[in-house]
Protein backbone atom coordinates (compact mmCIF):
# COMPACT_ATOMS: atom_id res chain seq x y z
CA MET A 1 -0.21 0.04 0.07
CA THR A 2 1.34 3.13 -1.09
CA LEU A 3 1.32 6.45 0.83
CA VAL A 4 -1.77 7.85 -1.62
CA GLN A 5 -3.54 4.69 -1.18
CA ALA A 6 -3.57 5.07 2.66
CA LEU A 7 -5.21 8.40 2.50
CA GLY A 8 -8.63 6.80 2.83
CA PRO A 9 -7.85 4.52 5.83
CA LEU A 10 -6.00 7.70 7.47
CA LEU A 11 -8.98 10.06 6.99
CA GLY A 12 -11.48 7.25 8.07
CA LEU A 13 -9.61 6.99 11.30
CA PRO A 14 -10.65 10.22 12.89
CA CYS A 15 -14.22 9.84 11.33
CA LEU A 16 -14.65 6.48 12.91
CA ALA A 17 -13.19 7.58 16.47
CA LEU A 18 -15.66 10.45 16.28
CA LEU A 19 -18.34 8.22 15.18
CA LEU A 20 -17.88 5.92 18.21
CA TYR A 21 -17.58 8.78 20.55
CA GLY A 22 -21.18 10.10 19.20
CA VAL A 23 -22.48 6.44 19.74
CA TYR A 24 -21.33 6.15 23.02
CA ARG A 25 -22.58 9.79 23.88
CA GLU A 26 -25.92 9.27 22.00
CA GLN A 27 -25.26 12.27 20.19
CA LYS A 28 -27.44 11.61 16.96
CA GLY A 29 -26.17 14.64 15.10
CA LEU A 30 -22.55 13.69 15.66
CA ARG A 31 -23.44 9.93 14.00
CA TYR A 32 -25.36 11.25 10.89
CA VAL A 33 -22.46 13.24 10.07
CA CYS A 34 -19.66 10.84 10.82
CA LYS A 35 -21.14 7.31 9.83
CA PRO A 36 -21.49 8.86 5.98
CA LEU A 37 -18.15 10.33 6.17
CA CYS A 38 -16.33 7.38 7.20
CA SER A 39 -18.60 5.16 4.61
CA ALA A 40 -17.10 7.97 2.23
CA ALA A 41 -13.74 7.41 3.05
CA PHE A 42 -13.69 3.51 1.90
CA ILE A 43 -14.88 4.71 -1.60
CA LEU A 44 -12.05 6.98 -1.62
CA THR A 45 -9.44 4.35 -0.84
CA ALA A 46 -11.05 2.55 -3.73
CA LEU A 47 -10.79 5.28 -6.04
CA LEU A 48 -7.11 5.77 -4.82
CA ALA A 49 -6.55 2.15 -5.23
CA ALA A 50 -7.84 1.54 -8.82
CA PRO A 51 -9.85 4.14 -10.76
CA PRO A 52 -13.04 3.05 -11.67
CA ALA A 53 -12.91 0.63 -14.79
CA THR A 54 -15.23 -2.12 -16.25
CA THR A 55 -13.02 -5.15 -14.50
CA HIS A 56 -13.94 -2.97 -11.03
CA ALA A 57 -17.71 -2.12 -11.83
CA TRP A 58 -18.97 -5.00 -9.37
CA ALA A 59 -16.54 -4.02 -6.41
CA TYR A 60 -17.36 -0.49 -6.93
CA ALA A 61 -21.14 -1.32 -6.95
CA GLY A 62 -20.66 -3.10 -3.56
CA LEU A 63 -18.97 -0.35 -2.05
CA GLY A 64 -21.61 2.44 -3.17
CA LEU A 65 -24.54 0.04 -2.06
CA SER A 66 -22.68 -0.61 1.35
CA LEU A 67 -22.69 3.61 1.69
CA LEU A 68 -26.25 3.78 1.10
CA GLY A 69 -26.91 0.60 3.30
CA ASP A 70 -24.72 2.68 6.27
CA VAL A 71 -27.21 6.11 5.77
CA PHE A 72 -30.24 3.58 5.53
CA LEU A 73 -29.16 2.24 9.14
CA LEU A 74 -29.05 5.52 10.65
CA GLY A 75 -32.64 4.99 11.05
CA GLU A 76 -33.80 2.61 13.70
CA ASP A 77 -37.44 1.89 12.97
CA ARG A 78 -38.42 -1.35 10.89
CA ARG A 79 -38.71 0.74 7.91
CA ALA A 80 -34.86 1.93 7.80
CA LEU A 81 -33.90 -1.72 8.76
CA GLY A 82 -35.62 -2.98 5.91
CA ALA A 83 -34.07 -0.41 3.42
CA GLY A 84 -30.62 -1.19 4.99
CA ILE A 85 -30.96 -4.95 4.63
CA ALA A 86 -32.16 -4.35 0.81
CA ALA A 87 -28.98 -2.17 0.34
CA PHE A 88 -26.63 -4.64 1.84
CA LEU A 89 -28.05 -7.67 0.05
CA ALA A 90 -27.84 -5.91 -3.17
CA ALA A 91 -24.08 -5.21 -2.00
CA HIS A 92 -23.54 -8.65 -0.93
CA LEU A 93 -24.61 -10.14 -4.17
CA CYS A 94 -22.19 -7.24 -6.26
CA TYR A 95 -19.59 -8.94 -4.18
CA LEU A 96 -20.47 -12.28 -4.89
CA VAL A 97 -20.36 -11.59 -8.89
CA TRP A 98 -17.27 -10.09 -8.22
CA VAL A 99 -15.12 -12.53 -6.17
CA LEU A 100 -16.64 -16.02 -7.13
CA PRO A 101 -14.91 -15.65 -10.42
CA THR A 102 -11.78 -15.29 -8.77
CA VAL A 103 -12.29 -18.88 -7.11
CA GLU A 104 -10.92 -21.92 -8.89
CA TRP A 105 -13.17 -24.40 -7.39
CA ALA A 106 -11.46 -27.58 -8.68
CA ALA A 107 -8.21 -26.35 -7.18
CA LEU A 108 -9.73 -25.87 -3.73
CA PRO A 109 -8.14 -28.61 -1.10
CA LEU A 110 -11.07 -30.60 0.28
CA TRP A 111 -10.27 -29.08 4.14
CA THR A 112 -11.34 -25.70 2.97
CA GLY A 113 -15.34 -26.77 2.96
CA LEU A 114 -14.62 -26.67 6.69
CA LEU A 115 -14.02 -23.44 6.71
CA SER A 116 -17.75 -22.83 5.74
CA LEU A 117 -18.94 -24.39 9.39
CA PRO A 118 -18.22 -20.95 11.08
CA PHE A 119 -20.08 -18.77 8.43
CA LEU A 120 -23.04 -21.19 8.23
CA ALA A 121 -23.36 -21.39 12.19
CA GLY A 122 -22.94 -17.49 12.59
CA GLY A 123 -25.78 -17.19 9.95
CA ALA A 124 -28.12 -19.64 11.57
CA TRP A 125 -27.48 -17.96 14.64
CA ILE A 126 -28.33 -14.72 13.80
CA VAL A 127 -31.51 -15.59 11.75
CA HIS A 128 -32.76 -17.70 14.88
CA ALA A 129 -32.18 -15.18 17.23
CA SER A 130 -33.80 -12.36 14.63
CA TRP A 131 -36.68 -14.70 13.53
CA PRO A 132 -39.39 -13.26 16.07
CA ARG A 133 -38.56 -9.63 15.12
CA LEU A 134 -38.20 -9.94 11.23
CA GLY A 135 -41.97 -10.32 10.77
CA ALA A 136 -42.21 -9.64 6.63
CA LEU A 137 -38.14 -9.18 6.27
CA LYS A 138 -37.87 -13.19 7.12
CA ALA A 139 -37.20 -14.02 3.66
CA PRO A 140 -34.70 -11.20 2.94
CA GLY A 141 -32.91 -11.95 6.09
CA ILE A 142 -32.29 -15.64 5.26
CA VAL A 143 -31.25 -14.76 1.54
CA TYR A 144 -28.77 -12.12 3.05
CA PHE A 145 -26.93 -14.14 5.36
CA LEU A 146 -26.68 -17.18 2.93
CA ALA A 147 -25.19 -14.52 0.38
CA LEU A 148 -22.76 -13.25 3.16
CA SER A 149 -21.85 -16.81 4.38
CA THR A 150 -21.21 -18.17 0.96
CA LEU A 151 -19.13 -14.74 -0.17
CA SER A 152 -16.88 -14.96 2.95
CA TRP A 153 -16.20 -18.46 2.93
CA ALA A 154 -15.52 -18.40 -0.63
CA ALA A 155 -13.03 -15.23 -0.18
CA LEU A 156 -11.19 -17.18 2.72
CA ALA A 157 -10.89 -20.54 0.92
CA ALA A 158 -9.64 -19.10 -2.33
CA TRP A 159 -6.96 -17.50 0.19
CA LEU A 160 -5.88 -19.94 2.18
CA GLY A 161 -6.51 -23.08 -0.18
CA GLN A 162 -5.71 -21.57 -3.54
CA ASP A 163 -3.25 -18.52 -3.39
CA PRO A 164 -2.21 -17.97 0.11
CA SER A 165 0.75 -15.58 -1.28
CA SER A 166 -1.47 -13.50 -3.05
CA VAL A 167 -1.90 -9.90 -1.47
CA PRO A 168 -5.69 -9.17 -3.29
CA ALA A 169 -6.61 -12.52 -2.04
CA ALA A 170 -5.40 -12.05 1.25
CA LEU A 171 -7.11 -8.79 1.59
CA ARG A 172 -10.78 -10.18 0.15
CA GLY A 173 -10.41 -12.95 2.35
CA ILE A 174 -9.65 -11.16 5.51
CA GLY A 175 -11.90 -8.42 4.74
CA LEU A 176 -15.13 -10.44 4.18
CA THR A 177 -14.37 -12.54 7.19
CA LEU A 178 -14.33 -9.03 9.01
CA PHE A 179 -17.49 -7.77 7.39
CA PHE A 180 -19.01 -11.16 8.41
CA ALA A 181 -18.10 -10.51 12.01
CA SER A 182 -19.18 -6.92 11.64
CA ASP A 183 -22.69 -8.21 10.80
CA LEU A 184 -22.96 -10.53 13.85
CA ALA A 185 -22.34 -7.15 15.89
CA VAL A 186 -25.47 -5.62 13.88
CA ALA A 187 -27.76 -8.23 14.85
CA ARG A 188 -26.66 -8.70 18.08
CA GLN A 189 -27.30 -4.82 18.41
CA ARG A 190 -30.46 -4.82 16.72
CA VAL A 191 -32.51 -7.87 17.87
CA VAL A 192 -30.45 -9.56 20.68
CA SER A 193 -28.68 -7.61 23.38
CA PRO A 194 -28.13 -3.82 22.46
CA GLY A 195 -25.35 -1.88 23.97
CA PHE A 196 -22.37 -0.08 23.11
CA VAL A 197 -19.87 -2.96 23.14
CA ASN A 198 -21.72 -4.18 19.91
CA ARG A 199 -20.68 -1.00 18.11
CA ALA A 200 -17.17 -0.80 20.02
CA TRP A 201 -15.77 -3.62 18.07
CA GLY A 202 -18.53 -3.92 15.10
CA LEU A 203 -17.98 -0.52 13.74
CA PRO A 204 -14.00 -0.79 13.50
CA ALA A 205 -14.58 -4.33 11.96
CA TYR A 206 -16.68 -3.09 9.13
CA TYR A 207 -14.73 -0.26 8.06
CA ALA A 208 -11.57 -2.37 8.06
CA ALA A 209 -13.25 -4.60 5.89
CA GLN A 210 -14.46 -2.16 3.52
CA HIS A 211 -11.03 -0.59 3.23
CA LEU A 212 -9.29 -3.85 3.03
CA LEU A 213 -11.80 -5.00 -0.18
CA ALA A 214 -11.08 -1.64 -1.57
CA LEU A 215 -7.48 -1.87 -1.41
CA SER A 216 -7.55 -5.65 -2.99
CA LEU A 217 -8.42 -3.59 -6.03
CA ALA A 218 -4.98 -1.90 -6.55
CA GLY A 219 -3.77 -5.65 -7.11
């Protein structure tokens, strides 16, 4: 990563610190300002890593939809949750179209199949815990976590089982694993046990994930 490419993460760090402070102090105004700025920072990281091009179209679409989802989830009602799920589901589908062609399925060792188990278990736990409160969002919720579990496992398997020396593969594998972890924090915050601790680790994991995915475009 060059100094120029590091500009996005460096600008995102103070925004993230202020966002966490705003969440902790329950200052909505600070959250409404800092969260979109944090998300704009990973778009900047992508732009500095690799200018928009046809080969990066799906990655940029995923990043843009993620920013939109972040804005929607500033709301706290069911309507905002539905819009946020829809935006992030679309983002994950874009990431799937981007990542899956990079996986050489026939070359993956059998043991990489075991890597899917934590993702499937985590997704099942979230759906089970969320089920009573999802209402009409049950079907989108299931599709969402199936897509995210598949995506995270595929990226991690492609890195560890196929090309462990590849920096872009490592960034995608680690990034999407962190993305999955951050969604566990979101689900716990929304439907299981609300508290600042969820956001204290969930938000850094989420923004680190997006910056890593953006940086992988440089490869």
